């Protein structure tokens, strides 16, 4: 199974992905962590993110090829990233979880956590715009991290993952 957490900044995808990975004892591949590890001094450009997506997807392909499940944590806001995800997920049980939040809550979360050490280009206005313009596919489970607690979101995700595994 390939479990993918997608969504705009400050939507809660990394928090939820980490908790599901912990509960299921699965490897977690994060686009931001991958980019930091392989391009530590690079600017946070689209080209840098594409390199990180490719590396993360390659690692996921290796895990899937070895018979393991994996969890991916990345925005998947660009069609080409979603297309590449579909390619590597061909023949496996792909479970997409899209994290949703309002622009106001995302900006509040951004303020509370302080400047992003990974996304130095991130500003309140950019967060607001990215949340407002995020291209949700609604192809899997959408979790509203604004109206549901972390515990409630994880419970919904676990039910979704169990349901898919049972069918």
N, C-alpha and C. Protein backbone atom coordinates (compact mmCIF):
# COMPACT_ATOMS: atom_id res chain seq x y z
N UNK A 1 0.85 -1.18 0.00
CA UNK A 1 0.00 0.00 0.00
C UNK A 1 0.89 1.24 0.00
N UNK A 2 0.51 2.22 -0.79
CA UNK A 2 1.19 3.51 -0.81
C UNK A 2 0.20 4.53 -0.27
N UNK A 3 0.54 5.11 0.88
CA UNK A 3 -0.33 6.09 1.55
C UNK A 3 0.27 7.46 1.30
N UNK A 4 -0.52 8.36 0.73
CA UNK A 4 -0.02 9.68 0.35
C UNK A 4 -0.80 10.76 1.07
N UNK A 5 -0.07 11.63 1.77
CA UNK A 5 -0.66 12.80 2.41
C UNK A 5 -0.32 14.00 1.55
N UNK A 6 -1.35 14.71 1.10
CA UNK A 6 -1.16 15.86 0.22
C UNK A 6 -1.95 17.05 0.77
N UNK A 7 -1.57 18.23 0.33
CA UNK A 7 -2.30 19.42 0.74
C UNK A 7 -1.39 20.63 0.77
N UNK A 8 -1.97 21.79 0.99
CA UNK A 8 -1.21 23.03 1.02
C UNK A 8 -0.41 23.16 2.31
N UNK A 9 0.43 24.21 2.41
CA UNK A 9 1.18 24.43 3.65
C UNK A 9 0.25 24.63 4.84
N UNK A 10 0.69 24.17 5.99
CA UNK A 10 -0.01 24.37 7.27
C UNK A 10 -1.37 23.69 7.32
N UNK A 11 -1.56 22.66 6.51
CA UNK A 11 -2.83 21.93 6.51
C UNK A 11 -2.79 20.73 7.45
N UNK A 12 -1.62 20.38 7.97
CA UNK A 12 -1.51 19.28 8.91
C UNK A 12 -1.04 17.97 8.32
N UNK A 13 -0.63 17.97 7.06
CA UNK A 13 -0.27 16.69 6.43
C UNK A 13 0.94 16.03 7.08
N UNK A 14 1.97 16.79 7.43
CA UNK A 14 3.16 16.19 8.04
C UNK A 14 2.86 15.62 9.42
N UNK A 15 2.06 16.33 10.19
CA UNK A 15 1.68 15.85 11.53
C UNK A 15 0.91 14.55 11.43
N UNK A 16 -0.08 14.51 10.54
CA UNK A 16 -0.90 13.31 10.39
C UNK A 16 -0.11 12.16 9.79
N UNK A 17 0.73 12.45 8.79
CA UNK A 17 1.55 11.40 8.17
C UNK A 17 2.49 10.77 9.19
N UNK A 18 3.09 11.60 10.03
CA UNK A 18 4.01 11.07 11.05
C UNK A 18 3.27 10.17 12.04
N UNK A 19 2.08 10.56 12.43
CA UNK A 19 1.32 9.75 13.39
C UNK A 19 0.88 8.42 12.77
N UNK A 20 0.42 8.46 11.53
CA UNK A 20 0.01 7.21 10.87
C UNK A 20 1.23 6.31 10.65
N UNK A 21 2.37 6.89 10.28
CA UNK A 21 3.59 6.11 10.10
C UNK A 21 4.01 5.45 11.42
N UNK A 22 3.90 6.21 12.51
CA UNK A 22 4.25 5.67 13.82
C UNK A 22 3.32 4.52 14.20
N UNK A 23 2.02 4.73 14.03
CA UNK A 23 1.04 3.70 14.40
C UNK A 23 1.20 2.43 13.58
N UNK A 24 1.51 2.59 12.30
CA UNK A 24 1.60 1.44 11.40
C UNK A 24 3.03 0.93 11.23
N UNK A 25 3.97 1.59 11.86
CA UNK A 25 5.39 1.21 11.75
C UNK A 25 5.82 1.14 10.28
N UNK A 26 5.53 2.21 9.55
CA UNK A 26 5.87 2.28 8.13
C UNK A 26 6.88 3.38 7.87
N UNK A 27 7.69 3.21 6.84
CA UNK A 27 8.62 4.28 6.48
C UNK A 27 7.85 5.51 5.98
N UNK A 28 8.31 6.68 6.41
CA UNK A 28 7.71 7.95 6.02
C UNK A 28 8.72 8.71 5.17
N UNK A 29 8.32 9.04 3.96
CA UNK A 29 9.16 9.81 3.05
C UNK A 29 8.53 11.19 2.87
N UNK A 30 9.24 12.20 3.31
CA UNK A 30 8.76 13.58 3.23
C UNK A 30 9.51 14.32 2.13
N UNK A 31 8.78 15.05 1.30
CA UNK A 31 9.44 15.82 0.25
C UNK A 31 10.38 16.86 0.84
N UNK A 32 9.96 17.55 1.89
CA UNK A 32 10.82 18.57 2.50
C UNK A 32 12.07 17.96 3.11
N UNK A 33 11.92 16.85 3.84
CA UNK A 33 13.09 16.19 4.44
C UNK A 33 14.02 15.65 3.37
N UNK A 34 13.45 15.12 2.30
CA UNK A 34 14.27 14.60 1.20
C UNK A 34 15.05 15.73 0.56
N UNK A 35 14.38 16.85 0.31
CA UNK A 35 15.06 18.00 -0.30
C UNK A 35 16.18 18.51 0.60
N UNK A 36 15.90 18.62 1.90
CA UNK A 36 16.92 19.07 2.85
C UNK A 36 18.14 18.14 2.85
N UNK A 37 17.86 16.84 2.75
CA UNK A 37 18.95 15.86 2.83
C UNK A 37 19.80 15.83 1.56
N UNK A 38 19.17 15.90 0.39
CA UNK A 38 19.96 15.76 -0.83
C UNK A 38 20.41 17.10 -1.43
N UNK A 39 19.73 18.19 -1.06
CA UNK A 39 20.09 19.53 -1.55
C UNK A 39 20.11 20.51 -0.37
N UNK A 40 21.00 20.29 0.59
CA UNK A 40 20.93 21.07 1.83
C UNK A 40 21.10 22.58 1.67
N UNK A 41 21.85 23.02 0.70
CA UNK A 41 22.11 24.46 0.57
C UNK A 41 21.35 25.08 -0.61
N UNK A 42 20.49 24.31 -1.23
CA UNK A 42 19.82 24.81 -2.42
C UNK A 42 18.69 25.78 -2.07
N UNK A 43 18.40 26.65 -3.00
CA UNK A 43 17.24 27.53 -2.86
C UNK A 43 15.98 26.67 -2.98
N UNK A 44 14.90 27.16 -2.46
CA UNK A 44 13.65 26.39 -2.50
C UNK A 44 12.88 26.75 -3.76
N UNK A 45 13.41 26.26 -4.88
CA UNK A 45 12.79 26.55 -6.18
C UNK A 45 11.97 25.36 -6.64
N UNK A 46 11.18 25.57 -7.66
CA UNK A 46 10.40 24.47 -8.23
C UNK A 46 11.35 23.37 -8.72
N UNK A 47 12.47 23.73 -9.32
CA UNK A 47 13.43 22.74 -9.81
C UNK A 47 13.98 21.91 -8.65
N UNK A 48 14.28 22.56 -7.52
CA UNK A 48 14.74 21.82 -6.33
C UNK A 48 13.68 20.85 -5.84
N UNK A 49 12.45 21.31 -5.81
CA UNK A 49 11.35 20.44 -5.35
C UNK A 49 11.16 19.26 -6.31
N UNK A 50 11.33 19.49 -7.60
CA UNK A 50 11.19 18.39 -8.56
C UNK A 50 12.26 17.33 -8.32
N UNK A 51 13.49 17.75 -8.02
CA UNK A 51 14.55 16.80 -7.69
C UNK A 51 14.16 16.01 -6.45
N UNK A 52 13.65 16.69 -5.44
CA UNK A 52 13.25 16.01 -4.20
C UNK A 52 12.10 15.04 -4.45
N UNK A 53 11.12 15.45 -5.25
CA UNK A 53 10.02 14.53 -5.58
C UNK A 53 10.57 13.29 -6.27
N UNK A 54 11.49 13.47 -7.23
CA UNK A 54 12.03 12.30 -7.94
C UNK A 54 12.75 11.37 -6.98
N UNK A 55 13.54 11.93 -6.07
CA UNK A 55 14.27 11.10 -5.11
C UNK A 55 13.31 10.37 -4.17
N UNK A 56 12.30 11.10 -3.69
CA UNK A 56 11.31 10.50 -2.79
C UNK A 56 10.54 9.40 -3.52
N UNK A 57 10.16 9.65 -4.75
CA UNK A 57 9.41 8.64 -5.52
C UNK A 57 10.29 7.42 -5.82
N UNK A 58 11.57 7.65 -6.09
CA UNK A 58 12.47 6.53 -6.34
C UNK A 58 12.57 5.65 -5.09
N UNK A 59 12.72 6.28 -3.93
CA UNK A 59 12.77 5.51 -2.68
C UNK A 59 11.47 4.74 -2.46
N UNK A 60 10.34 5.37 -2.77
CA UNK A 60 9.05 4.69 -2.63
C UNK A 60 8.96 3.50 -3.58
N UNK A 61 9.44 3.66 -4.80
CA UNK A 61 9.43 2.55 -5.76
C UNK A 61 10.26 1.38 -5.23
N UNK A 62 11.41 1.67 -4.64
CA UNK A 62 12.26 0.60 -4.09
C UNK A 62 11.54 -0.11 -2.95
N UNK A 63 10.92 0.65 -2.06
CA UNK A 63 10.18 0.04 -0.95
C UNK A 63 9.03 -0.82 -1.46
N UNK A 64 8.27 -0.29 -2.39
CA UNK A 64 7.14 -1.04 -2.95
C UNK A 64 7.62 -2.30 -3.66
N UNK A 65 8.72 -2.18 -4.40
CA UNK A 65 9.30 -3.33 -5.11
C UNK A 65 9.77 -4.42 -4.17
N UNK A 66 10.14 -4.02 -2.95
CA UNK A 66 10.58 -4.99 -1.94
C UNK A 66 9.40 -5.54 -1.13
N UNK A 67 8.19 -5.14 -1.51
CA UNK A 67 7.00 -5.65 -0.83
C UNK A 67 6.59 -4.87 0.40
N UNK A 68 7.18 -3.72 0.61
CA UNK A 68 6.84 -2.90 1.77
C UNK A 68 5.82 -1.84 1.40
N UNK A 69 5.08 -1.39 2.36
CA UNK A 69 4.23 -0.22 2.19
C UNK A 69 5.06 1.01 2.53
N UNK A 70 4.56 2.18 2.17
CA UNK A 70 5.26 3.43 2.47
C UNK A 70 4.25 4.56 2.58
N UNK A 71 4.68 5.61 3.27
CA UNK A 71 3.87 6.82 3.40
C UNK A 71 4.65 7.97 2.80
N UNK A 72 3.99 8.75 1.95
CA UNK A 72 4.59 9.93 1.35
C UNK A 72 3.89 11.17 1.90
N UNK A 73 4.69 12.22 2.13
CA UNK A 73 4.19 13.49 2.65
C UNK A 73 4.73 14.59 1.74
N UNK A 74 3.85 15.18 0.94
CA UNK A 74 4.25 16.25 0.01
C UNK A 74 3.01 17.00 -0.43
N UNK A 75 3.17 18.21 -0.92
CA UNK A 75 2.00 18.98 -1.34
C UNK A 75 1.21 18.35 -2.50
N UNK A 76 1.90 17.89 -3.52
CA UNK A 76 1.24 17.38 -4.73
C UNK A 76 0.27 18.42 -5.30
N UNK A 77 0.75 19.65 -5.36
CA UNK A 77 -0.05 20.73 -5.90
C UNK A 77 0.11 20.94 -7.39
N UNK A 78 1.08 20.26 -8.00
CA UNK A 78 1.31 20.38 -9.44
C UNK A 78 0.91 19.09 -10.14
N UNK A 79 0.29 19.23 -11.28
CA UNK A 79 -0.20 18.07 -12.03
C UNK A 79 0.92 17.08 -12.36
N UNK A 80 2.10 17.58 -12.74
CA UNK A 80 3.18 16.66 -13.11
C UNK A 80 3.63 15.82 -11.91
N UNK A 81 3.54 16.35 -10.70
CA UNK A 81 3.88 15.56 -9.51
C UNK A 81 2.83 14.48 -9.28
N UNK A 82 1.57 14.83 -9.48
CA UNK A 82 0.49 13.84 -9.33
C UNK A 82 0.58 12.77 -10.42
N UNK A 83 0.97 13.17 -11.63
CA UNK A 83 1.13 12.20 -12.72
C UNK A 83 2.24 11.20 -12.39
N UNK A 84 3.35 11.70 -11.85
CA UNK A 84 4.46 10.82 -11.49
C UNK A 84 4.06 9.90 -10.34
N UNK A 85 3.29 10.41 -9.41
CA UNK A 85 2.77 9.58 -8.32
C UNK A 85 1.92 8.45 -8.87
N UNK A 86 1.04 8.76 -9.81
CA UNK A 86 0.19 7.74 -10.42
C UNK A 86 1.05 6.67 -11.11
N UNK A 87 2.14 7.09 -11.74
CA UNK A 87 3.02 6.13 -12.42
C UNK A 87 3.64 5.16 -11.43
N UNK A 88 4.19 5.68 -10.32
CA UNK A 88 4.85 4.77 -9.38
C UNK A 88 3.85 3.93 -8.60
N UNK A 89 2.61 4.38 -8.52
CA UNK A 89 1.59 3.64 -7.77
C UNK A 89 0.85 2.62 -8.62
N UNK A 90 1.18 2.54 -9.90
CA UNK A 90 0.51 1.58 -10.77
C UNK A 90 0.71 0.17 -10.22
N UNK A 91 -0.38 -0.54 -10.02
CA UNK A 91 -0.31 -1.91 -9.53
C UNK A 91 -0.27 -2.06 -8.03
N UNK A 92 -0.30 -0.95 -7.29
CA UNK A 92 -0.34 -1.04 -5.83
C UNK A 92 -1.60 -0.34 -5.32
N UNK A 93 -1.92 -0.60 -4.10
CA UNK A 93 -3.08 0.03 -3.47
C UNK A 93 -2.69 1.45 -3.05
N UNK A 94 -3.10 2.44 -3.82
CA UNK A 94 -2.79 3.84 -3.53
C UNK A 94 -3.91 4.44 -2.70
N UNK A 95 -3.57 5.00 -1.56
CA UNK A 95 -4.52 5.65 -0.67
C UNK A 95 -4.12 7.12 -0.53
N UNK A 96 -4.93 8.00 -1.10
CA UNK A 96 -4.67 9.44 -1.08
C UNK A 96 -5.46 10.10 0.05
N UNK A 97 -4.74 10.83 0.88
CA UNK A 97 -5.38 11.61 1.95
C UNK A 97 -5.02 13.07 1.70
N UNK A 98 -6.04 13.88 1.41
CA UNK A 98 -5.82 15.30 1.18
C UNK A 98 -6.24 16.07 2.42
N UNK A 99 -5.31 16.86 2.95
CA UNK A 99 -5.57 17.65 4.15
C UNK A 99 -6.07 19.03 3.73
N UNK A 100 -7.18 19.41 4.32
CA UNK A 100 -7.84 20.66 3.95
C UNK A 100 -7.91 21.58 5.15
N UNK A 101 -7.75 22.88 4.89
CA UNK A 101 -7.79 23.89 5.94
C UNK A 101 -8.18 25.21 5.28
N UNK A 102 -8.71 26.13 6.06
CA UNK A 102 -9.04 27.46 5.52
C UNK A 102 -7.77 28.30 5.46
N UNK A 103 -7.73 29.29 4.59
CA UNK A 103 -6.57 30.19 4.55
C UNK A 103 -6.30 30.86 5.89
N UNK A 104 -7.36 31.25 6.60
CA UNK A 104 -7.18 31.93 7.89
C UNK A 104 -6.51 31.03 8.92
N UNK A 105 -6.95 29.79 8.99
CA UNK A 105 -6.35 28.86 9.95
C UNK A 105 -4.93 28.52 9.55
N UNK A 106 -4.67 28.36 8.27
CA UNK A 106 -3.31 28.07 7.81
C UNK A 106 -2.37 29.22 8.17
N UNK A 107 -2.81 30.44 7.98
CA UNK A 107 -1.97 31.60 8.33
C UNK A 107 -1.74 31.65 9.84
N UNK A 108 -2.77 31.36 10.63
CA UNK A 108 -2.62 31.34 12.09
C UNK A 108 -1.60 30.28 12.49
N UNK A 109 -1.69 29.08 11.90
CA UNK A 109 -0.73 28.02 12.21
C UNK A 109 0.69 28.42 11.80
N UNK A 110 0.78 29.09 10.66
CA UNK A 110 2.08 29.56 10.17
C UNK A 110 2.69 30.54 11.17
N UNK A 111 1.88 31.46 11.67
CA UNK A 111 2.35 32.43 12.67
C UNK A 111 2.79 31.72 13.95
N UNK A 112 1.99 30.75 14.39
CA UNK A 112 2.28 30.06 15.65
C UNK A 112 3.57 29.25 15.58
N UNK A 113 3.84 28.65 14.46
CA UNK A 113 5.06 27.83 14.38
C UNK A 113 6.29 28.65 14.02
N UNK A 114 6.11 29.87 13.56
CA UNK A 114 7.24 30.73 13.23
C UNK A 114 7.76 30.46 11.84
N UNK A 115 8.81 31.19 11.46
CA UNK A 115 9.37 31.04 10.12
C UNK A 115 9.75 29.59 9.84
N UNK A 116 9.52 29.17 8.63
CA UNK A 116 9.81 27.80 8.22
C UNK A 116 11.28 27.66 7.86
N UNK A 117 11.99 26.77 8.55
CA UNK A 117 13.42 26.57 8.27
C UNK A 117 13.65 25.96 6.90
N UNK A 118 12.64 25.30 6.36
CA UNK A 118 12.77 24.67 5.05
C UNK A 118 12.32 25.63 3.95
N UNK A 119 11.16 26.20 4.14
CA UNK A 119 10.59 27.10 3.13
C UNK A 119 10.83 28.55 3.54
N UNK A 120 12.04 29.03 3.33
CA UNK A 120 12.38 30.40 3.70
C UNK A 120 11.58 31.42 2.91
N UNK A 121 11.07 31.02 1.75
CA UNK A 121 10.29 31.92 0.90
C UNK A 121 8.84 32.04 1.35
N UNK A 122 8.44 31.23 2.31
CA UNK A 122 7.04 31.21 2.74
C UNK A 122 6.71 32.44 3.58
N UNK A 123 5.66 33.12 3.19
CA UNK A 123 5.15 34.28 3.92
C UNK A 123 3.69 34.04 4.22
N UNK A 124 3.12 34.86 5.07
CA UNK A 124 1.69 34.72 5.36
C UNK A 124 0.85 34.85 4.10
N UNK A 125 1.20 35.80 3.25
CA UNK A 125 0.42 36.00 2.02
C UNK A 125 0.56 34.80 1.08
N UNK A 126 1.76 34.24 0.98
CA UNK A 126 1.96 33.07 0.12
C UNK A 126 1.20 31.86 0.67
N UNK A 127 1.22 31.68 1.99
CA UNK A 127 0.44 30.59 2.60
C UNK A 127 -1.03 30.77 2.26
N UNK A 128 -1.56 31.97 2.46
CA UNK A 128 -2.97 32.27 2.17
C UNK A 128 -3.30 31.93 0.70
N UNK A 129 -2.45 32.37 -0.20
CA UNK A 129 -2.68 32.12 -1.63
C UNK A 129 -2.61 30.64 -1.97
N UNK A 130 -1.62 29.93 -1.43
CA UNK A 130 -1.46 28.51 -1.74
C UNK A 130 -2.63 27.69 -1.21
N UNK A 131 -3.13 28.05 -0.04
CA UNK A 131 -4.28 27.33 0.52
C UNK A 131 -5.52 27.63 -0.33
N UNK A 132 -5.71 28.89 -0.66
CA UNK A 132 -6.88 29.29 -1.45
C UNK A 132 -6.90 28.62 -2.83
N UNK A 133 -5.71 28.47 -3.44
CA UNK A 133 -5.62 27.97 -4.82
C UNK A 133 -5.28 26.49 -4.92
N UNK A 134 -5.21 25.77 -3.80
CA UNK A 134 -4.77 24.38 -3.86
C UNK A 134 -5.74 23.53 -4.69
N UNK A 135 -5.20 22.74 -5.65
CA UNK A 135 -6.05 21.93 -6.54
C UNK A 135 -6.41 20.56 -5.94
N UNK A 136 -7.36 20.53 -5.05
CA UNK A 136 -7.80 19.25 -4.47
C UNK A 136 -8.37 18.36 -5.57
N UNK A 137 -8.02 17.08 -5.52
CA UNK A 137 -8.54 16.13 -6.51
C UNK A 137 -9.80 15.44 -6.00
N UNK A 138 -9.91 15.30 -4.68
CA UNK A 138 -11.02 14.58 -4.03
C UNK A 138 -11.08 13.13 -4.51
N UNK A 139 -9.91 12.59 -4.89
CA UNK A 139 -9.83 11.22 -5.39
C UNK A 139 -9.68 10.20 -4.26
N UNK A 140 -9.51 10.66 -3.06
CA UNK A 140 -9.37 9.76 -1.92
C UNK A 140 -10.15 10.31 -0.75
N UNK A 141 -9.53 10.34 0.40
CA UNK A 141 -10.14 10.87 1.61
C UNK A 141 -9.70 12.32 1.80
N UNK A 142 -10.65 13.20 2.05
CA UNK A 142 -10.33 14.59 2.39
C UNK A 142 -10.59 14.75 3.88
N UNK A 143 -9.58 15.19 4.62
CA UNK A 143 -9.74 15.43 6.05
C UNK A 143 -9.64 16.92 6.31
N UNK A 144 -10.60 17.43 7.02
CA UNK A 144 -10.62 18.84 7.38
C UNK A 144 -9.92 18.98 8.72
N UNK A 145 -8.68 19.43 8.67
CA UNK A 145 -7.87 19.52 9.88
C UNK A 145 -8.22 20.75 10.72
N UNK A 146 -9.11 21.55 10.21
CA UNK A 146 -9.54 22.74 10.94
C UNK A 146 -10.69 22.41 11.89
N UNK A 147 -11.62 21.60 11.42
CA UNK A 147 -12.81 21.31 12.22
C UNK A 147 -12.69 20.01 13.02
N UNK A 148 -11.68 19.20 12.71
CA UNK A 148 -11.50 17.95 13.44
C UNK A 148 -10.16 17.97 14.16
N UNK A 149 -10.11 17.37 15.32
CA UNK A 149 -8.86 17.28 16.07
C UNK A 149 -7.92 16.30 15.37
N UNK A 150 -6.66 16.32 15.80
CA UNK A 150 -5.70 15.38 15.24
C UNK A 150 -6.17 13.95 15.47
N UNK A 151 -6.65 13.67 16.68
CA UNK A 151 -7.14 12.33 17.00
C UNK A 151 -8.28 11.92 16.07
N UNK A 152 -9.24 12.83 15.86
CA UNK A 152 -10.37 12.52 14.98
C UNK A 152 -9.91 12.30 13.54
N UNK A 153 -8.96 13.11 13.09
CA UNK A 153 -8.44 12.94 11.73
C UNK A 153 -7.75 11.59 11.58
N UNK A 154 -6.93 11.23 12.55
CA UNK A 154 -6.22 9.93 12.50
C UNK A 154 -7.22 8.78 12.52
N UNK A 155 -8.26 8.88 13.34
CA UNK A 155 -9.28 7.83 13.38
C UNK A 155 -9.97 7.69 12.02
N UNK A 156 -10.32 8.80 11.39
CA UNK A 156 -10.93 8.76 10.05
C UNK A 156 -9.98 8.13 9.03
N UNK A 157 -8.71 8.50 9.11
CA UNK A 157 -7.71 7.95 8.19
C UNK A 157 -7.57 6.45 8.40
N UNK A 158 -7.49 6.02 9.65
CA UNK A 158 -7.35 4.58 9.92
C UNK A 158 -8.57 3.80 9.41
N UNK A 159 -9.76 4.34 9.60
CA UNK A 159 -10.96 3.67 9.05
C UNK A 159 -10.87 3.57 7.53
N UNK A 160 -10.45 4.64 6.89
CA UNK A 160 -10.29 4.68 5.43
C UNK A 160 -9.25 3.64 4.98
N UNK A 161 -8.15 3.55 5.68
CA UNK A 161 -7.11 2.59 5.30
C UNK A 161 -7.56 1.15 5.54
N UNK A 162 -8.25 0.90 6.64
CA UNK A 162 -8.78 -0.45 6.89
C UNK A 162 -9.81 -0.85 5.85
N UNK A 163 -10.69 0.08 5.54
CA UNK A 163 -11.74 -0.18 4.55
C UNK A 163 -11.13 -0.57 3.21
N UNK A 164 -10.12 0.16 2.80
CA UNK A 164 -9.49 -0.14 1.50
C UNK A 164 -8.77 -1.48 1.54
N UNK A 165 -8.15 -1.81 2.68
CA UNK A 165 -7.43 -3.07 2.78
C UNK A 165 -8.38 -4.26 2.80
N UNK A 166 -9.61 -4.06 3.30
CA UNK A 166 -10.58 -5.15 3.40
C UNK A 166 -11.29 -5.42 2.08
N UNK A 167 -11.27 -4.44 1.16
CA UNK A 167 -12.03 -4.64 -0.08
C UNK A 167 -11.25 -5.39 -1.14
